[in-house]
Amino acid sequence: MLELRPTCEQCNKALPPASTEAMICSFECTYCRDCVERLQNVCPNCGGGFTPRPVRPAHAWRPGVSLEGHPATGKVTYNPVDLVAHARFVALLDGRPPEQR
């Protein structure tokens, strides 16, 4: 079950559960679209790419499957990236797309 983290790890921008600005990697590192662009679609934690985070329904259209039954986490993960070091990391990937990393 996705945590639906509440903020961008880089800039701490609010990313509520229904946000279409939230992007995640396969380990659920969470960033806003602007920061993903600055990070060149390379997760600074794992090197993978990002995809839009799914939106969990607020209303239980089917019993038990909504934010009511499975609320988003309130735990903030704020871990700003050293953009100079990240640029060196991106260079190591030599332009490989996420599916080839």
C-alpha atoms as a PDB file:
ATOM      1  CA  MET A   1       0.000   0.000   0.000  1.00  0.00           C
ATOM      2  CA  LEU A   2       1.467   3.348  -1.027  1.00  0.00           C
ATOM      3  CA  GLU A   3       2.170   5.729   1.858  1.00  0.00           C
ATOM      4  CA  LEU A   4       1.102   8.815  -0.123  1.00  0.00           C
ATOM      5  CA  ARG A   5       3.796  10.942   1.478  1.00  0.00           C
ATOM      6  CA  PRO A   6       2.642  14.484   2.236  1.00  0.00           C
ATOM      7  CA  THR A   7       5.491  16.596   0.818  1.00  0.00           C
ATOM      8  CA  CYS A   8       8.264  16.800  -1.774  1.00  0.00           C
ATOM      9  CA  GLU A   9      11.516  15.428  -0.368  1.00  0.00           C
ATOM     10  CA  GLN A  10      13.491  18.240  -2.043  1.00  0.00           C
ATOM     11  CA  CYS A  11      11.498  21.455  -1.593  1.00  0.00           C
ATOM     12  CA  ASN A  12       8.955  20.346   1.039  1.00  0.00           C
ATOM     13  CA  LYS A  13       6.015  21.451  -1.156  1.00  0.00           C
ATOM     14  CA  ALA A  14       2.708  20.066   0.096  1.00  0.00           C
ATOM     15  CA  LEU A  15       1.549  17.052  -1.917  1.00  0.00           C
ATOM     16  CA  PRO A  16      -1.833  16.046  -0.497  1.00  0.00           C
ATOM     17  CA  PRO A  17      -3.302  12.648  -1.451  1.00  0.00           C
ATOM     18  CA  ALA A  18      -5.206  14.046  -4.464  1.00  0.00           C
ATOM     19  CA  SER A  19      -2.224  16.014  -5.826  1.00  0.00           C
ATOM     20  CA  THR A  20      -1.453  15.513  -9.487  1.00  0.00           C
ATOM     21  CA  GLU A  21       1.948  17.150  -8.866  1.00  0.00           C
ATOM     22  CA  ALA A  22       3.295  14.166  -6.883  1.00  0.00           C
ATOM     23  CA  MET A  23       5.831  11.942  -8.606  1.00  0.00           C
ATOM     24  CA  ILE A  24       7.312   8.729  -7.173  1.00  0.00           C
ATOM     25  CA  CYS A  25      10.054   6.232  -7.969  1.00  0.00           C
ATOM     26  CA  SER A  26       9.657   2.491  -7.458  1.00  0.00           C
ATOM     27  CA  PHE A  27      10.793   2.895  -3.827  1.00  0.00           C
ATOM     28  CA  GLU A  28       8.156   5.615  -3.318  1.00  0.00           C
ATOM     29  CA  CYS A  29      10.620   8.476  -2.995  1.00  0.00           C
ATOM     30  CA  THR A  30       8.292  11.435  -3.501  1.00  0.00           C
ATOM     31  CA  TYR A  31       9.003  14.676  -5.330  1.00  0.00           C
ATOM     32  CA  CYS A  32       6.949  17.397  -6.991  1.00  0.00           C
ATOM     33  CA  ARG A  33       6.996  17.690 -10.793  1.00  0.00           C
ATOM     34  CA  ASP A  34       9.232  20.790 -10.680  1.00  0.00           C
ATOM     35  CA  CYS A  35      11.882  19.022  -8.606  1.00  0.00           C
ATOM     36  CA  VAL A  36      11.727  15.889 -10.783  1.00  0.00           C
ATOM     37  CA  GLU A  37      12.523  18.137 -13.739  1.00  0.00           C
ATOM     38  CA  ARG A  38      15.470  19.711 -11.860  1.00  0.00           C
ATOM     39  CA  LEU A  39      16.640  16.190 -10.947  1.00  0.00           C
ATOM     40  CA  GLN A  40      16.450  15.217 -14.648  1.00  0.00           C
ATOM     41  CA  ASN A  41      14.030  12.366 -13.868  1.00  0.00           C
ATOM     42  CA  VAL A  42      16.717  10.558 -11.863  1.00  0.00           C
ATOM     43  CA  CYS A  43      15.871   9.583  -8.296  1.00  0.00           C
ATOM     44  CA  PRO A  44      18.792  10.727  -6.128  1.00  0.00           C
ATOM     45  CA  ASN A  45      18.242   7.782  -3.795  1.00  0.00           C
ATOM     46  CA  CYS A  46      18.053   4.821  -6.206  1.00  0.00           C
ATOM     47  CA  GLY A  47      18.828   6.140  -9.699  1.00  0.00           C
ATOM     48  CA  GLY A  48      15.470   5.102 -11.077  1.00  0.00           C
ATOM     49  CA  GLY A  49      12.964   7.268 -12.885  1.00  0.00           C
ATOM     50  CA  PHE A  50       9.737   8.839 -11.694  1.00  0.00           C
ATOM     51  CA  THR A  51       6.107   8.318 -12.567  1.00  0.00           C
ATOM     52  CA  PRO A  52       2.963  10.179 -11.490  1.00  0.00           C
ATOM     53  CA  ARG A  53       1.768   9.009  -8.079  1.00  0.00           C
ATOM     54  CA  PRO A  54      -1.684   7.402  -8.252  1.00  0.00           C
ATOM     55  CA  VAL A  55      -4.532   9.175  -6.497  1.00  0.00           C
ATOM     56  CA  ARG A  56      -6.317   7.080  -3.881  1.00  0.00           C
ATOM     57  CA  PRO A  57     -10.083   7.620  -4.000  1.00  0.00           C
ATOM     58  CA  ALA A  58     -11.432   9.812  -1.204  1.00  0.00           C
ATOM     59  CA  HIS A  59     -14.792   8.039  -1.422  1.00  0.00           C
ATOM     60  CA  ALA A  60     -15.149   4.282  -0.885  1.00  0.00           C
ATOM     61  CA  TRP A  61     -16.748   3.341  -4.208  1.00  0.00           C
ATOM     62  CA  ARG A  62     -16.070  -0.228  -3.132  1.00  0.00           C
ATOM     63  CA  PRO A  63     -16.117  -1.151   0.571  1.00  0.00           C
ATOM     64  CA  GLY A  64     -12.868  -0.371   2.406  1.00  0.00           C
ATOM     65  CA  VAL A  65     -10.879   0.966  -0.536  1.00  0.00           C
ATOM     66  CA  SER A  66     -10.455   4.686  -0.012  1.00  0.00           C
ATOM     67  CA  LEU A  67      -8.552   7.244   2.017  1.00  0.00           C
ATOM     68  CA  GLU A  68     -11.001   6.595   4.853  1.00  0.00           C
ATOM     69  CA  GLY A  69      -9.879   2.982   5.201  1.00  0.00           C
ATOM     70  CA  HIS A  70      -6.283   3.541   4.111  1.00  0.00           C
ATOM     71  CA  PRO A  71      -5.230   7.089   5.025  1.00  0.00           C
ATOM     72  CA  ALA A  72      -2.110   8.783   3.721  1.00  0.00           C
ATOM     73  CA  THR A  73       0.883   8.994   6.026  1.00  0.00           C
ATOM     74  CA  GLY A  74       1.540  12.220   7.888  1.00  0.00           C
ATOM     75  CA  LYS A  75       5.271  11.503   8.144  1.00  0.00           C
ATOM     76  CA  VAL A  76       7.301  14.096   6.258  1.00  0.00           C
ATOM     77  CA  THR A  77      10.471  12.939   4.493  1.00  0.00           C
ATOM     78  CA  TYR A  78      12.458  16.122   3.872  1.00  0.00           C
ATOM     79  CA  ASN A  79      15.881  15.301   2.488  1.00  0.00           C
ATOM     80  CA  PRO A  80      17.141  18.039   0.126  1.00  0.00           C
ATOM     81  CA  VAL A  81      19.521  16.910  -2.602  1.00  0.00           C
ATOM     82  CA  ASP A  82      22.963  18.366  -3.233  1.00  0.00           C
ATOM     83  CA  LEU A  83      22.307  19.337  -6.857  1.00  0.00           C
ATOM     84  CA  VAL A  84      26.010  19.509  -7.774  1.00  0.00           C
ATOM     85  CA  ALA A  85      26.621  15.965  -6.516  1.00  0.00           C
ATOM     86  CA  HIS A  86      23.401  14.851  -8.195  1.00  0.00           C
ATOM     87  CA  ALA A  87      24.590  16.237 -11.547  1.00  0.00           C
ATOM     88  CA  ARG A  88      27.707  14.032 -11.232  1.00  0.00           C
ATOM     89  CA  PHE A  89      25.434  11.049 -10.459  1.00  0.00           C
ATOM     90  CA  VAL A  90      23.266  11.794 -13.519  1.00  0.00           C
ATOM     91  CA  ALA A  91      26.405  11.975 -15.688  1.00  0.00           C
ATOM     92  CA  LEU A  92      27.350   8.434 -14.595  1.00  0.00           C
ATOM     93  CA  LEU A  93      24.068   7.188 -16.041  1.00  0.00           C
ATOM     94  CA  ASP A  94      25.201   8.389 -19.474  1.00  0.00           C
ATOM     95  CA  GLY A  95      21.714   9.329 -20.677  1.00  0.00           C
ATOM     96  CA  ARG A  96      20.200   5.892 -20.056  1.00  0.00           C
ATOM     97  CA  PRO A  97      16.415   5.988 -19.793  1.00  0.00           C
ATOM     98  CA  PRO A  98      14.859   4.685 -16.548  1.00  0.00           C
ATOM     99  CA  GLU A  99      14.009   1.286 -18.030  1.00  0.00           C
ATOM    100  CA  GLN A 100      17.714   0.690 -18.801  1.00  0.00           C
ATOM    101  CA  ARG A 101      19.215   1.806 -15.490  1.00  0.00           C
END
